[in-house]
Amino acid sequence: MEQLEKHLGVAWPTGSLTLGQVVFKPQALRVAQVTGSPGGTASGPVLTATSDQEQVTVPLDVAQQSRVKVGDAVSVTLPDGSTTPGVVSRMGTVAVTSGSGTQATTTISVSVRLVHPSAAGSLDSAPVTVDITTQTARDALVVPVGALLAEGAGGYDVEVVGPGSTRRYVPVTIGIFDDGDGLVQVTGALTPGQRVVVPAR
């Protein structure tokens, strides 16, 4: 307080700042932009502020809204390619539509808190990639998504490579998808370590 009084030229008595000279907030803030100027008209906002905590904002497609909730684990890929963990801290309640026609998208804002804020370094604003974990499965058997073959009855097969490069189709039931690594959980007559056929890239 003494430093603020000195900056404003209030020498005596201590604690004599008048109403309107200072604004108190319940937590620390980061000044993002100063819009007022000394001697300017006393009307309108004088600055904009943000939280002093590093935060990631995700424009989530409303079609995915029901799959994401506060507390979900997140992996954030930073501009340098490194990844750091995060947690969904807030779900927006207002949907925003951008674009028009077939290019229109409707999203809500999702806030992500970094578990290790220092991982962002000196970044002020930067594009990142966010992978949100909405489901987990332990001891899951997975195959590359590209190994799935749709069958006429609406199910899926996986082509397995056996001894002597023999091949056979094995029906599978799919579970959850790992979009980050391009994998899908499957159950069926498969065992870990078997080779499956995927399309050539």
N, C-alpha and C. Protein backbone atom coordinates (compact mmCIF):
# COMPACT_ATOMS: atom_id res chain seq x y z
N MET A 1 0.82 -1.19 0.00
CA MET A 1 0.00 0.00 0.00
C MET A 1 0.87 1.26 0.00
N GLU A 2 1.96 1.27 0.81
CA GLU A 2 2.82 2.43 0.87
C GLU A 2 3.44 2.74 -0.49
N GLN A 3 3.81 1.70 -1.24
CA GLN A 3 4.38 1.92 -2.57
C GLN A 3 3.35 2.53 -3.51
N LEU A 4 2.08 2.07 -3.41
CA LEU A 4 1.03 2.61 -4.24
C LEU A 4 0.76 4.08 -3.90
N GLU A 5 0.74 4.39 -2.60
CA GLU A 5 0.53 5.78 -2.18
C GLU A 5 1.66 6.68 -2.69
N LYS A 6 2.89 6.18 -2.61
CA LYS A 6 4.02 6.96 -3.09
C LYS A 6 3.91 7.19 -4.59
N HIS A 7 3.48 6.14 -5.33
CA HIS A 7 3.33 6.27 -6.78
C HIS A 7 2.27 7.31 -7.14
N LEU A 8 1.20 7.38 -6.33
CA LEU A 8 0.12 8.33 -6.60
C LEU A 8 0.37 9.70 -6.00
N GLY A 9 1.48 9.85 -5.28
CA GLY A 9 1.80 11.16 -4.72
C GLY A 9 1.11 11.46 -3.41
N VAL A 10 0.62 10.45 -2.72
CA VAL A 10 -0.04 10.65 -1.43
C VAL A 10 1.02 10.47 -0.34
N ALA A 11 1.50 11.59 0.20
CA ALA A 11 2.59 11.51 1.17
C ALA A 11 2.10 11.37 2.60
N TRP A 12 0.98 12.02 2.90
CA TRP A 12 0.50 12.02 4.30
C TRP A 12 -0.98 12.37 4.33
N PRO A 13 -1.77 11.80 5.20
CA PRO A 13 -1.41 10.70 6.12
C PRO A 13 -1.46 9.36 5.41
N THR A 14 -0.80 8.35 5.95
CA THR A 14 -0.80 7.02 5.38
C THR A 14 -2.21 6.44 5.40
N GLY A 15 -2.58 5.78 4.31
CA GLY A 15 -3.90 5.17 4.24
C GLY A 15 -5.00 6.14 3.87
N SER A 16 -4.65 7.25 3.21
CA SER A 16 -5.66 8.26 2.89
C SER A 16 -6.08 8.23 1.43
N LEU A 17 -5.91 7.11 0.75
CA LEU A 17 -6.41 7.00 -0.62
C LEU A 17 -7.93 7.12 -0.59
N THR A 18 -8.47 7.90 -1.49
CA THR A 18 -9.91 8.11 -1.51
C THR A 18 -10.60 7.13 -2.44
N LEU A 19 -11.93 7.02 -2.27
CA LEU A 19 -12.73 6.12 -3.08
C LEU A 19 -12.55 6.46 -4.56
N GLY A 20 -12.26 5.46 -5.35
CA GLY A 20 -12.08 5.67 -6.78
C GLY A 20 -10.63 5.75 -7.21
N GLN A 21 -9.71 5.92 -6.24
CA GLN A 21 -8.29 5.99 -6.59
C GLN A 21 -7.67 4.61 -6.76
N VAL A 22 -8.27 3.59 -6.17
CA VAL A 22 -7.71 2.26 -6.23
C VAL A 22 -8.84 1.24 -6.20
N VAL A 23 -8.62 0.14 -6.89
CA VAL A 23 -9.60 -0.94 -6.93
C VAL A 23 -8.95 -2.19 -6.34
N PHE A 24 -9.65 -2.82 -5.42
CA PHE A 24 -9.13 -4.04 -4.80
C PHE A 24 -9.84 -5.25 -5.41
N LYS A 25 -9.05 -6.26 -5.75
CA LYS A 25 -9.60 -7.51 -6.26
C LYS A 25 -9.24 -8.62 -5.28
N PRO A 26 -10.06 -9.69 -5.23
CA PRO A 26 -9.81 -10.75 -4.25
C PRO A 26 -8.61 -11.64 -4.57
N GLN A 27 -8.04 -11.48 -5.76
CA GLN A 27 -6.89 -12.31 -6.12
C GLN A 27 -5.99 -11.54 -7.08
N ALA A 28 -4.79 -12.08 -7.28
CA ALA A 28 -3.83 -11.40 -8.14
C ALA A 28 -4.32 -11.38 -9.59
N LEU A 29 -4.02 -10.30 -10.29
CA LEU A 29 -4.39 -10.15 -11.69
C LEU A 29 -3.17 -9.77 -12.52
N ARG A 30 -3.27 -10.02 -13.80
CA ARG A 30 -2.23 -9.61 -14.75
C ARG A 30 -2.81 -8.56 -15.67
N VAL A 31 -2.19 -7.39 -15.73
CA VAL A 31 -2.67 -6.33 -16.61
C VAL A 31 -2.31 -6.70 -18.04
N ALA A 32 -3.33 -6.87 -18.87
CA ALA A 32 -3.10 -7.27 -20.26
C ALA A 32 -2.97 -6.08 -21.19
N GLN A 33 -3.74 -5.03 -20.91
CA GLN A 33 -3.70 -3.85 -21.77
C GLN A 33 -4.17 -2.62 -20.99
N VAL A 34 -3.49 -1.52 -21.16
CA VAL A 34 -3.88 -0.26 -20.55
C VAL A 34 -4.54 0.60 -21.63
N THR A 35 -5.82 0.93 -21.43
CA THR A 35 -6.56 1.70 -22.43
C THR A 35 -6.74 3.16 -22.03
N GLY A 36 -6.55 3.46 -20.73
CA GLY A 36 -6.65 4.84 -20.29
C GLY A 36 -5.30 5.53 -20.37
N SER A 37 -5.29 6.83 -20.15
CA SER A 37 -4.05 7.60 -20.19
C SER A 37 -4.12 8.71 -19.15
N PRO A 38 -2.99 9.08 -18.56
CA PRO A 38 -2.98 10.15 -17.56
C PRO A 38 -3.56 11.45 -18.15
N GLY A 39 -4.50 12.03 -17.44
CA GLY A 39 -5.09 13.28 -17.91
C GLY A 39 -6.23 13.08 -18.89
N GLY A 40 -6.51 11.83 -19.24
CA GLY A 40 -7.59 11.55 -20.18
C GLY A 40 -8.96 11.67 -19.53
N THR A 41 -9.99 11.56 -20.36
CA THR A 41 -11.36 11.64 -19.86
C THR A 41 -11.65 10.47 -18.92
N ALA A 42 -12.24 10.80 -17.80
CA ALA A 42 -12.54 9.76 -16.80
C ALA A 42 -13.83 9.06 -17.15
N SER A 43 -13.80 8.27 -18.19
CA SER A 43 -14.98 7.50 -18.59
C SER A 43 -14.53 6.23 -19.30
N GLY A 44 -15.31 5.17 -19.14
CA GLY A 44 -14.98 3.91 -19.79
C GLY A 44 -13.87 3.17 -19.07
N PRO A 45 -13.53 1.99 -19.56
CA PRO A 45 -12.49 1.18 -18.92
C PRO A 45 -11.11 1.79 -19.07
N VAL A 46 -10.28 1.61 -18.08
CA VAL A 46 -8.91 2.13 -18.13
C VAL A 46 -7.89 1.03 -18.41
N LEU A 47 -8.30 -0.21 -18.20
CA LEU A 47 -7.38 -1.32 -18.49
C LEU A 47 -8.18 -2.61 -18.58
N THR A 48 -7.55 -3.61 -19.16
CA THR A 48 -8.11 -4.96 -19.16
C THR A 48 -7.12 -5.86 -18.44
N ALA A 49 -7.65 -6.83 -17.72
CA ALA A 49 -6.80 -7.70 -16.92
C ALA A 49 -7.22 -9.15 -17.10
N THR A 50 -6.28 -10.03 -16.87
CA THR A 50 -6.53 -11.47 -16.92
C THR A 50 -5.98 -12.10 -15.65
N SER A 51 -6.24 -13.39 -15.49
CA SER A 51 -5.66 -14.12 -14.36
C SER A 51 -4.15 -14.17 -14.52
N ASP A 52 -3.44 -14.24 -13.39
CA ASP A 52 -1.98 -14.36 -13.46
C ASP A 52 -1.55 -15.81 -13.59
N GLN A 53 -2.52 -16.73 -13.72
CA GLN A 53 -2.21 -18.15 -13.91
C GLN A 53 -2.28 -18.51 -15.39
N GLU A 54 -1.29 -19.29 -15.86
CA GLU A 54 -1.31 -19.73 -17.25
C GLU A 54 -2.55 -20.59 -17.49
N GLN A 55 -3.24 -20.32 -18.58
CA GLN A 55 -4.48 -21.03 -18.86
C GLN A 55 -4.61 -21.25 -20.36
N VAL A 56 -5.17 -22.38 -20.71
CA VAL A 56 -5.41 -22.71 -22.12
C VAL A 56 -6.91 -22.66 -22.37
N THR A 57 -7.30 -22.02 -23.45
CA THR A 57 -8.71 -21.94 -23.82
C THR A 57 -8.94 -22.75 -25.08
N VAL A 58 -9.93 -23.65 -25.01
CA VAL A 58 -10.23 -24.56 -26.13
C VAL A 58 -11.63 -24.25 -26.67
N PRO A 59 -11.75 -23.98 -27.98
CA PRO A 59 -13.09 -23.85 -28.57
C PRO A 59 -13.62 -25.25 -28.89
N LEU A 60 -14.43 -25.80 -28.01
CA LEU A 60 -14.90 -27.18 -28.14
C LEU A 60 -16.18 -27.23 -28.95
N ASP A 61 -16.20 -28.11 -29.96
CA ASP A 61 -17.41 -28.29 -30.74
C ASP A 61 -18.55 -28.75 -29.82
N VAL A 62 -19.71 -28.13 -29.96
CA VAL A 62 -20.83 -28.46 -29.05
C VAL A 62 -21.23 -29.93 -29.17
N ALA A 63 -20.93 -30.56 -30.31
CA ALA A 63 -21.25 -31.98 -30.45
C ALA A 63 -20.43 -32.84 -29.50
N GLN A 64 -19.29 -32.30 -29.01
CA GLN A 64 -18.44 -33.04 -28.09
C GLN A 64 -18.67 -32.64 -26.64
N GLN A 65 -19.58 -31.70 -26.40
CA GLN A 65 -19.77 -31.15 -25.07
C GLN A 65 -20.11 -32.20 -24.02
N SER A 66 -20.96 -33.15 -24.38
CA SER A 66 -21.40 -34.15 -23.41
C SER A 66 -20.28 -35.12 -23.03
N ARG A 67 -19.21 -35.14 -23.80
CA ARG A 67 -18.12 -36.08 -23.54
C ARG A 67 -17.03 -35.49 -22.64
N VAL A 68 -17.10 -34.18 -22.40
CA VAL A 68 -16.05 -33.50 -21.63
C VAL A 68 -16.66 -32.93 -20.35
N LYS A 69 -15.91 -33.01 -19.25
CA LYS A 69 -16.39 -32.47 -17.97
C LYS A 69 -15.22 -31.89 -17.19
N VAL A 70 -15.55 -31.04 -16.24
CA VAL A 70 -14.53 -30.47 -15.36
C VAL A 70 -13.82 -31.59 -14.61
N GLY A 71 -12.50 -31.52 -14.59
CA GLY A 71 -11.69 -32.54 -13.93
C GLY A 71 -11.06 -33.53 -14.88
N ASP A 72 -11.49 -33.53 -16.16
CA ASP A 72 -10.90 -34.44 -17.15
C ASP A 72 -9.41 -34.12 -17.32
N ALA A 73 -8.61 -35.18 -17.45
CA ALA A 73 -7.17 -35.00 -17.68
C ALA A 73 -6.93 -34.54 -19.11
N VAL A 74 -5.89 -33.75 -19.28
CA VAL A 74 -5.58 -33.15 -20.57
C VAL A 74 -4.08 -33.25 -20.83
N SER A 75 -3.72 -33.42 -22.09
CA SER A 75 -2.32 -33.33 -22.50
C SER A 75 -2.20 -32.15 -23.46
N VAL A 76 -1.34 -31.20 -23.13
CA VAL A 76 -1.17 -29.99 -23.93
C VAL A 76 0.16 -30.05 -24.65
N THR A 77 0.13 -29.96 -25.98
CA THR A 77 1.35 -29.92 -26.78
C THR A 77 1.69 -28.47 -27.05
N LEU A 78 2.85 -28.03 -26.57
CA LEU A 78 3.28 -26.64 -26.69
C LEU A 78 3.93 -26.39 -28.05
N PRO A 79 4.14 -25.13 -28.42
CA PRO A 79 4.71 -24.81 -29.74
C PRO A 79 6.06 -25.47 -30.02
N ASP A 80 6.84 -25.77 -28.97
CA ASP A 80 8.14 -26.40 -29.20
C ASP A 80 8.05 -27.92 -29.33
N GLY A 81 6.81 -28.47 -29.29
CA GLY A 81 6.63 -29.90 -29.45
C GLY A 81 6.57 -30.67 -28.15
N SER A 82 6.93 -30.05 -27.04
CA SER A 82 6.88 -30.73 -25.75
C SER A 82 5.43 -30.80 -25.26
N THR A 83 5.17 -31.74 -24.36
CA THR A 83 3.82 -31.89 -23.82
C THR A 83 3.84 -31.68 -22.32
N THR A 84 2.74 -31.22 -21.79
CA THR A 84 2.61 -31.01 -20.36
C THR A 84 1.18 -31.32 -19.94
N PRO A 85 0.97 -31.89 -18.75
CA PRO A 85 -0.38 -32.26 -18.34
C PRO A 85 -1.21 -31.06 -17.89
N GLY A 86 -2.52 -31.22 -18.01
CA GLY A 86 -3.44 -30.19 -17.58
C GLY A 86 -4.74 -30.81 -17.11
N VAL A 87 -5.65 -29.97 -16.65
CA VAL A 87 -6.94 -30.42 -16.16
C VAL A 87 -8.01 -29.44 -16.64
N VAL A 88 -9.14 -29.97 -17.11
CA VAL A 88 -10.25 -29.10 -17.49
C VAL A 88 -10.76 -28.41 -16.23
N SER A 89 -10.70 -27.07 -16.22
CA SER A 89 -11.07 -26.33 -15.01
C SER A 89 -12.42 -25.64 -15.12
N ARG A 90 -12.89 -25.40 -16.33
CA ARG A 90 -14.18 -24.72 -16.47
C ARG A 90 -14.79 -25.04 -17.83
N MET A 91 -16.12 -25.24 -17.84
CA MET A 91 -16.86 -25.46 -19.07
C MET A 91 -17.74 -24.23 -19.33
N GLY A 92 -17.62 -23.66 -20.51
CA GLY A 92 -18.45 -22.51 -20.86
C GLY A 92 -19.91 -22.91 -20.98
N THR A 93 -20.77 -21.91 -20.89
CA THR A 93 -22.21 -22.16 -20.97
C THR A 93 -22.85 -21.45 -22.15
N VAL A 94 -22.08 -20.67 -22.88
CA VAL A 94 -22.61 -19.92 -24.02
C VAL A 94 -21.99 -20.45 -25.30
N ALA A 95 -22.82 -20.90 -26.22
CA ALA A 95 -22.34 -21.40 -27.51
C ALA A 95 -22.17 -20.23 -28.48
N VAL A 96 -21.09 -20.30 -29.26
CA VAL A 96 -20.78 -19.24 -30.23
C VAL A 96 -20.64 -19.87 -31.61
N THR A 97 -21.33 -19.31 -32.60
CA THR A 97 -21.26 -19.81 -33.96
C THR A 97 -20.40 -18.87 -34.80
N SER A 98 -19.43 -19.44 -35.52
CA SER A 98 -18.58 -18.66 -36.40
C SER A 98 -18.64 -19.25 -37.79
N GLY A 99 -18.38 -18.43 -38.79
CA GLY A 99 -18.48 -18.88 -40.18
C GLY A 99 -19.93 -18.91 -40.61
N SER A 100 -20.14 -19.38 -41.82
CA SER A 100 -21.50 -19.45 -42.35
C SER A 100 -21.63 -20.63 -43.30
N GLY A 101 -22.87 -21.02 -43.55
CA GLY A 101 -23.12 -22.13 -44.46
C GLY A 101 -22.49 -23.41 -43.99
N THR A 102 -21.87 -24.13 -44.93
CA THR A 102 -21.24 -25.41 -44.59
C THR A 102 -19.98 -25.23 -43.76
N GLN A 103 -19.47 -24.00 -43.68
CA GLN A 103 -18.25 -23.73 -42.91
C GLN A 103 -18.56 -23.29 -41.48
N ALA A 104 -19.84 -23.22 -41.13
CA ALA A 104 -20.22 -22.75 -39.80
C ALA A 104 -19.86 -23.77 -38.73
N THR A 105 -19.34 -23.29 -37.63
CA THR A 105 -19.03 -24.14 -36.49
C THR A 105 -19.58 -23.50 -35.23
N THR A 106 -20.11 -24.33 -34.33
CA THR A 106 -20.65 -23.84 -33.07
C THR A 106 -19.84 -24.45 -31.94
N THR A 107 -19.27 -23.60 -31.10
CA THR A 107 -18.38 -24.07 -30.05
C THR A 107 -18.72 -23.43 -28.71
N ILE A 108 -18.22 -24.05 -27.65
CA ILE A 108 -18.24 -23.45 -26.33
C ILE A 108 -16.79 -23.34 -25.86
N SER A 109 -16.54 -22.43 -24.96
CA SER A 109 -15.19 -22.22 -24.46
C SER A 109 -14.91 -23.14 -23.28
N VAL A 110 -13.82 -23.87 -23.36
CA VAL A 110 -13.39 -24.75 -22.28
C VAL A 110 -12.03 -24.26 -21.78
N SER A 111 -11.92 -24.09 -20.47
CA SER A 111 -10.67 -23.62 -19.87
C SER A 111 -9.88 -24.81 -19.31
N VAL A 112 -8.58 -24.78 -19.54
CA VAL A 112 -7.68 -25.84 -19.06
C VAL A 112 -6.61 -25.22 -18.18
N ARG A 113 -6.43 -25.78 -16.99
CA ARG A 113 -5.38 -25.34 -16.07
C ARG A 113 -4.18 -26.26 -16.22
N LEU A 114 -3.00 -25.68 -16.39
CA LEU A 114 -1.79 -26.48 -16.49
C LEU A 114 -1.39 -27.00 -15.11
N VAL A 115 -1.07 -28.28 -15.02
CA VAL A 115 -0.62 -28.86 -13.75
C VAL A 115 0.72 -28.26 -13.35
N HIS A 116 1.57 -28.00 -14.34
CA HIS A 116 2.88 -27.38 -14.10
C HIS A 116 2.93 -26.06 -14.88
N PRO A 117 2.46 -24.96 -14.29
CA PRO A 117 2.41 -23.68 -15.02
C PRO A 117 3.76 -23.25 -15.58
N SER A 118 4.85 -23.62 -14.91
CA SER A 118 6.17 -23.20 -15.39
C SER A 118 6.51 -23.80 -16.74
N ALA A 119 5.78 -24.85 -17.15
CA ALA A 119 6.06 -25.49 -18.45
C ALA A 119 5.81 -24.52 -19.60
N ALA A 120 4.95 -23.53 -19.38
CA ALA A 120 4.66 -22.56 -20.44
C ALA A 120 5.79 -21.56 -20.62
N GLY A 121 6.73 -21.54 -19.69
CA GLY A 121 7.87 -20.63 -19.82
C GLY A 121 7.43 -19.18 -19.88
N SER A 122 7.98 -18.46 -20.85
CA SER A 122 7.67 -17.04 -21.00
C SER A 122 6.57 -16.79 -22.02
N LEU A 123 5.87 -17.85 -22.44
CA LEU A 123 4.81 -17.67 -23.44
C LEU A 123 3.71 -16.77 -22.90
N ASP A 124 3.31 -15.81 -23.70
CA ASP A 124 2.20 -14.92 -23.33
C ASP A 124 0.92 -15.38 -24.01
N SER A 125 1.02 -15.64 -25.30
CA SER A 125 -0.11 -16.16 -26.07
C SER A 125 0.45 -16.97 -27.22
N ALA A 126 -0.02 -18.20 -27.35
CA ALA A 126 0.52 -19.07 -28.39
C ALA A 126 -0.47 -20.19 -28.70
N PRO A 127 -0.47 -20.67 -29.95
CA PRO A 127 -1.35 -21.80 -30.29
C PRO A 127 -0.79 -23.11 -29.73
N VAL A 128 -1.66 -23.94 -29.18
CA VAL A 128 -1.26 -25.24 -28.65
C VAL A 128 -2.25 -26.28 -29.13
N THR A 129 -1.89 -27.54 -28.97
CA THR A 129 -2.78 -28.65 -29.28
C THR A 129 -3.19 -29.32 -27.98
N VAL A 130 -4.49 -29.57 -27.82
CA VAL A 130 -5.01 -30.13 -26.58
C VAL A 130 -5.69 -31.47 -26.84
N ASP A 131 -5.26 -32.49 -26.12
CA ASP A 131 -5.91 -33.80 -26.16
C ASP A 131 -6.57 -34.03 -24.81
N ILE A 132 -7.89 -34.22 -24.83
CA ILE A 132 -8.65 -34.39 -23.59
C ILE A 132 -8.99 -35.87 -23.40
N THR A 133 -8.65 -36.41 -22.23
CA THR A 133 -8.96 -37.80 -21.92
C THR A 133 -10.37 -37.87 -21.34
N THR A 134 -11.31 -38.41 -22.10
CA THR A 134 -12.69 -38.48 -21.64
C THR A 134 -13.05 -39.86 -21.10
N GLN A 135 -12.27 -40.90 -21.46
CA GLN A 135 -12.49 -42.25 -20.95
C GLN A 135 -11.15 -42.94 -20.79
N THR A 136 -11.09 -43.88 -19.88
CA THR A 136 -9.87 -44.67 -19.70
C THR A 136 -10.22 -46.15 -19.60
N ALA A 137 -9.26 -46.99 -19.96
CA ALA A 137 -9.44 -48.44 -19.86
C ALA A 137 -8.11 -49.06 -19.48
N ARG A 138 -8.13 -49.92 -18.48
CA ARG A 138 -6.90 -50.57 -18.03
C ARG A 138 -6.74 -51.93 -18.73
N ASP A 139 -5.48 -52.26 -18.98
CA ASP A 139 -5.14 -53.55 -19.60
C ASP A 139 -5.93 -53.77 -20.88
N ALA A 140 -6.08 -52.72 -21.67
CA ALA A 140 -6.86 -52.81 -22.90
C ALA A 140 -6.01 -53.38 -24.05
N LEU A 141 -6.65 -54.14 -24.90
CA LEU A 141 -6.03 -54.63 -26.13
C LEU A 141 -6.37 -53.63 -27.22
N VAL A 142 -5.35 -53.08 -27.86
CA VAL A 142 -5.59 -52.04 -28.86
C VAL A 142 -4.94 -52.40 -30.18
N VAL A 143 -5.50 -51.83 -31.26
CA VAL A 143 -4.94 -51.97 -32.59
C VAL A 143 -4.99 -50.59 -33.24
N PRO A 144 -4.19 -50.35 -34.29
CA PRO A 144 -4.30 -49.08 -35.01
C PRO A 144 -5.71 -48.95 -35.61
N VAL A 145 -6.24 -47.73 -35.58
CA VAL A 145 -7.57 -47.50 -36.14
C VAL A 145 -7.64 -47.96 -37.59
N GLY A 146 -6.55 -47.79 -38.31
CA GLY A 146 -6.51 -48.19 -39.73
C GLY A 146 -6.65 -49.68 -39.95
N ALA A 147 -6.49 -50.49 -38.88
CA ALA A 147 -6.60 -51.94 -39.04
C ALA A 147 -8.06 -52.40 -39.05
N LEU A 148 -8.99 -51.54 -38.67
CA LEU A 148 -10.40 -51.91 -38.66
C LEU A 148 -10.95 -52.02 -40.08
N LEU A 149 -11.67 -53.10 -40.32
CA LEU A 149 -12.32 -53.33 -41.61
C LEU A 149 -13.82 -53.46 -41.37
N ALA A 150 -14.60 -52.55 -41.96
CA ALA A 150 -16.06 -52.60 -41.77
C ALA A 150 -16.63 -53.78 -42.53
N GLU A 151 -17.53 -54.50 -41.88
CA GLU A 151 -18.19 -55.62 -42.55
C GLU A 151 -19.66 -55.26 -42.81
N GLY A 152 -20.28 -56.03 -43.66
CA GLY A 152 -21.64 -55.71 -44.10
C GLY A 152 -22.67 -55.66 -43.00
N ALA A 153 -22.51 -56.43 -41.95
CA ALA A 153 -23.49 -56.50 -40.87
C ALA A 153 -23.37 -55.33 -39.90
N GLY A 154 -22.43 -54.44 -40.16
CA GLY A 154 -22.25 -53.29 -39.29
C GLY A 154 -21.17 -53.44 -38.26
N GLY A 155 -20.51 -54.59 -38.22
CA GLY A 155 -19.43 -54.81 -37.27
C GLY A 155 -18.08 -54.53 -37.90
N TYR A 156 -17.04 -55.03 -37.25
CA TYR A 156 -15.68 -54.80 -37.74
C TYR A 156 -14.87 -56.09 -37.67
N ASP A 157 -13.92 -56.20 -38.59
CA ASP A 157 -12.94 -57.29 -38.60
C ASP A 157 -11.55 -56.67 -38.51
N VAL A 158 -10.61 -57.53 -38.12
CA VAL A 158 -9.19 -57.19 -38.18
C VAL A 158 -8.50 -58.31 -38.93
N GLU A 159 -7.66 -57.95 -39.90
CA GLU A 159 -6.91 -58.96 -40.65
C GLU A 159 -5.62 -59.27 -39.92
N VAL A 160 -5.50 -60.54 -39.49
CA VAL A 160 -4.35 -60.96 -38.69
C VAL A 160 -3.37 -61.73 -39.57
N VAL A 161 -2.07 -61.44 -39.40
CA VAL A 161 -1.01 -62.14 -40.13
C VAL A 161 -0.50 -63.28 -39.26
N GLY A 162 -0.57 -64.52 -39.80
CA GLY A 162 -0.15 -65.69 -39.04
C GLY A 162 1.16 -66.26 -39.56
N PRO A 163 1.50 -67.49 -39.15
CA PRO A 163 2.75 -68.14 -39.59
C PRO A 163 2.78 -68.27 -41.11
N GLY A 164 3.95 -68.08 -41.68
CA GLY A 164 4.10 -68.18 -43.13
C GLY A 164 3.36 -67.10 -43.88
N SER A 165 3.14 -65.96 -43.23
CA SER A 165 2.44 -64.82 -43.83
C SER A 165 1.00 -65.15 -44.21
N THR A 166 0.43 -66.19 -43.58
CA THR A 166 -0.99 -66.47 -43.82
C THR A 166 -1.83 -65.36 -43.16
N ARG A 167 -3.02 -65.18 -43.71
CA ARG A 167 -3.89 -64.11 -43.20
C ARG A 167 -5.29 -64.63 -42.94
N ARG A 168 -5.91 -64.11 -41.93
CA ARG A 168 -7.29 -64.47 -41.64
C ARG A 168 -7.99 -63.28 -41.00
N TYR A 169 -9.31 -63.23 -41.15
CA TYR A 169 -10.10 -62.14 -40.59
C TYR A 169 -10.67 -62.54 -39.24
N VAL A 170 -10.54 -61.67 -38.28
CA VAL A 170 -11.03 -61.92 -36.93
C VAL A 170 -12.06 -60.84 -36.58
N PRO A 171 -13.30 -61.23 -36.26
CA PRO A 171 -14.31 -60.24 -35.85
C PRO A 171 -13.93 -59.62 -34.51
N VAL A 172 -14.12 -58.31 -34.38
CA VAL A 172 -13.80 -57.62 -33.12
C VAL A 172 -14.93 -56.67 -32.76
N THR A 173 -15.01 -56.39 -31.49
CA THR A 173 -15.93 -55.36 -30.98
C THR A 173 -15.08 -54.19 -30.53
N ILE A 174 -15.42 -52.99 -31.00
CA ILE A 174 -14.59 -51.83 -30.68
C ILE A 174 -15.02 -51.20 -29.37
N GLY A 175 -14.06 -50.58 -28.70
CA GLY A 175 -14.31 -49.88 -27.45
C GLY A 175 -14.02 -48.40 -27.62
N ILE A 176 -13.15 -47.87 -26.76
CA ILE A 176 -12.86 -46.43 -26.81
C ILE A 176 -11.70 -46.16 -27.76
N PHE A 177 -11.66 -44.94 -28.28
CA PHE A 177 -10.63 -44.53 -29.22
C PHE A 177 -9.60 -43.65 -28.54
N ASP A 178 -8.36 -43.81 -28.94
CA ASP A 178 -7.27 -42.92 -28.53
C ASP A 178 -6.90 -42.10 -29.74
N ASP A 179 -7.56 -40.95 -29.89
CA ASP A 179 -7.33 -40.13 -31.07
C ASP A 179 -5.90 -39.61 -31.14
N GLY A 180 -5.28 -39.39 -29.98
CA GLY A 180 -3.92 -38.86 -29.97
C GLY A 180 -2.93 -39.81 -30.61
N ASP A 181 -3.04 -41.11 -30.33
CA ASP A 181 -2.10 -42.10 -30.87
C ASP A 181 -2.68 -42.91 -32.01
N GLY A 182 -3.93 -42.64 -32.39
CA GLY A 182 -4.54 -43.37 -33.51
C GLY A 182 -4.81 -44.82 -33.21
N LEU A 183 -5.21 -45.13 -31.97
CA LEU A 183 -5.47 -46.50 -31.56
C LEU A 183 -6.93 -46.67 -31.16
N VAL A 184 -7.41 -47.91 -31.14
CA VAL A 184 -8.77 -48.20 -30.72
C VAL A 184 -8.76 -49.48 -29.89
N GLN A 185 -9.54 -49.51 -28.83
CA GLN A 185 -9.67 -50.69 -27.99
C GLN A 185 -10.54 -51.72 -28.70
N VAL A 186 -10.12 -52.98 -28.69
CA VAL A 186 -10.90 -54.05 -29.32
C VAL A 186 -10.97 -55.25 -28.40
N THR A 187 -12.03 -56.02 -28.55
CA THR A 187 -12.14 -57.32 -27.89
C THR A 187 -12.51 -58.34 -28.95
N GLY A 188 -11.97 -59.54 -28.84
CA GLY A 188 -12.20 -60.60 -29.82
C GLY A 188 -11.15 -61.67 -29.65
N ALA A 189 -11.07 -62.56 -30.62
CA ALA A 189 -10.12 -63.68 -30.55
C ALA A 189 -8.73 -63.22 -30.98
N LEU A 190 -8.19 -62.25 -30.24
CA LEU A 190 -6.86 -61.72 -30.51
C LEU A 190 -6.02 -61.83 -29.25
N THR A 191 -4.71 -61.87 -29.41
CA THR A 191 -3.80 -61.89 -28.27
C THR A 191 -2.73 -60.82 -28.48
N PRO A 192 -2.22 -60.26 -27.39
CA PRO A 192 -1.17 -59.25 -27.52
C PRO A 192 0.03 -59.78 -28.31
N GLY A 193 0.56 -58.95 -29.17
CA GLY A 193 1.73 -59.34 -29.95
C GLY A 193 1.41 -59.83 -31.35
N GLN A 194 0.16 -60.18 -31.63
CA GLN A 194 -0.20 -60.58 -32.98
C GLN A 194 -0.05 -59.41 -33.95
N ARG A 195 0.32 -59.72 -35.17
CA ARG A 195 0.47 -58.68 -36.20
C ARG A 195 -0.85 -58.52 -36.95
N VAL A 196 -1.22 -57.27 -37.19
CA VAL A 196 -2.42 -56.98 -37.94
C VAL A 196 -2.07 -56.13 -39.16
N VAL A 197 -2.91 -56.19 -40.16
CA VAL A 197 -2.65 -55.48 -41.42
C VAL A 197 -3.25 -54.07 -41.35
N VAL A 198 -2.43 -53.09 -41.73
CA VAL A 198 -2.89 -51.72 -41.84
C VAL A 198 -2.55 -51.22 -43.23
N PRO A 199 -3.36 -50.29 -43.77
CA PRO A 199 -3.10 -49.77 -45.11
C PRO A 199 -1.73 -49.10 -45.19
N ALA A 200 -1.08 -49.25 -46.33
CA ALA A 200 0.22 -48.61 -46.55
C ALA A 200 0.02 -47.09 -46.66
N ARG A 201 0.94 -46.34 -46.10
CA ARG A 201 0.85 -44.87 -46.16
C ARG A 201 1.56 -44.36 -47.42
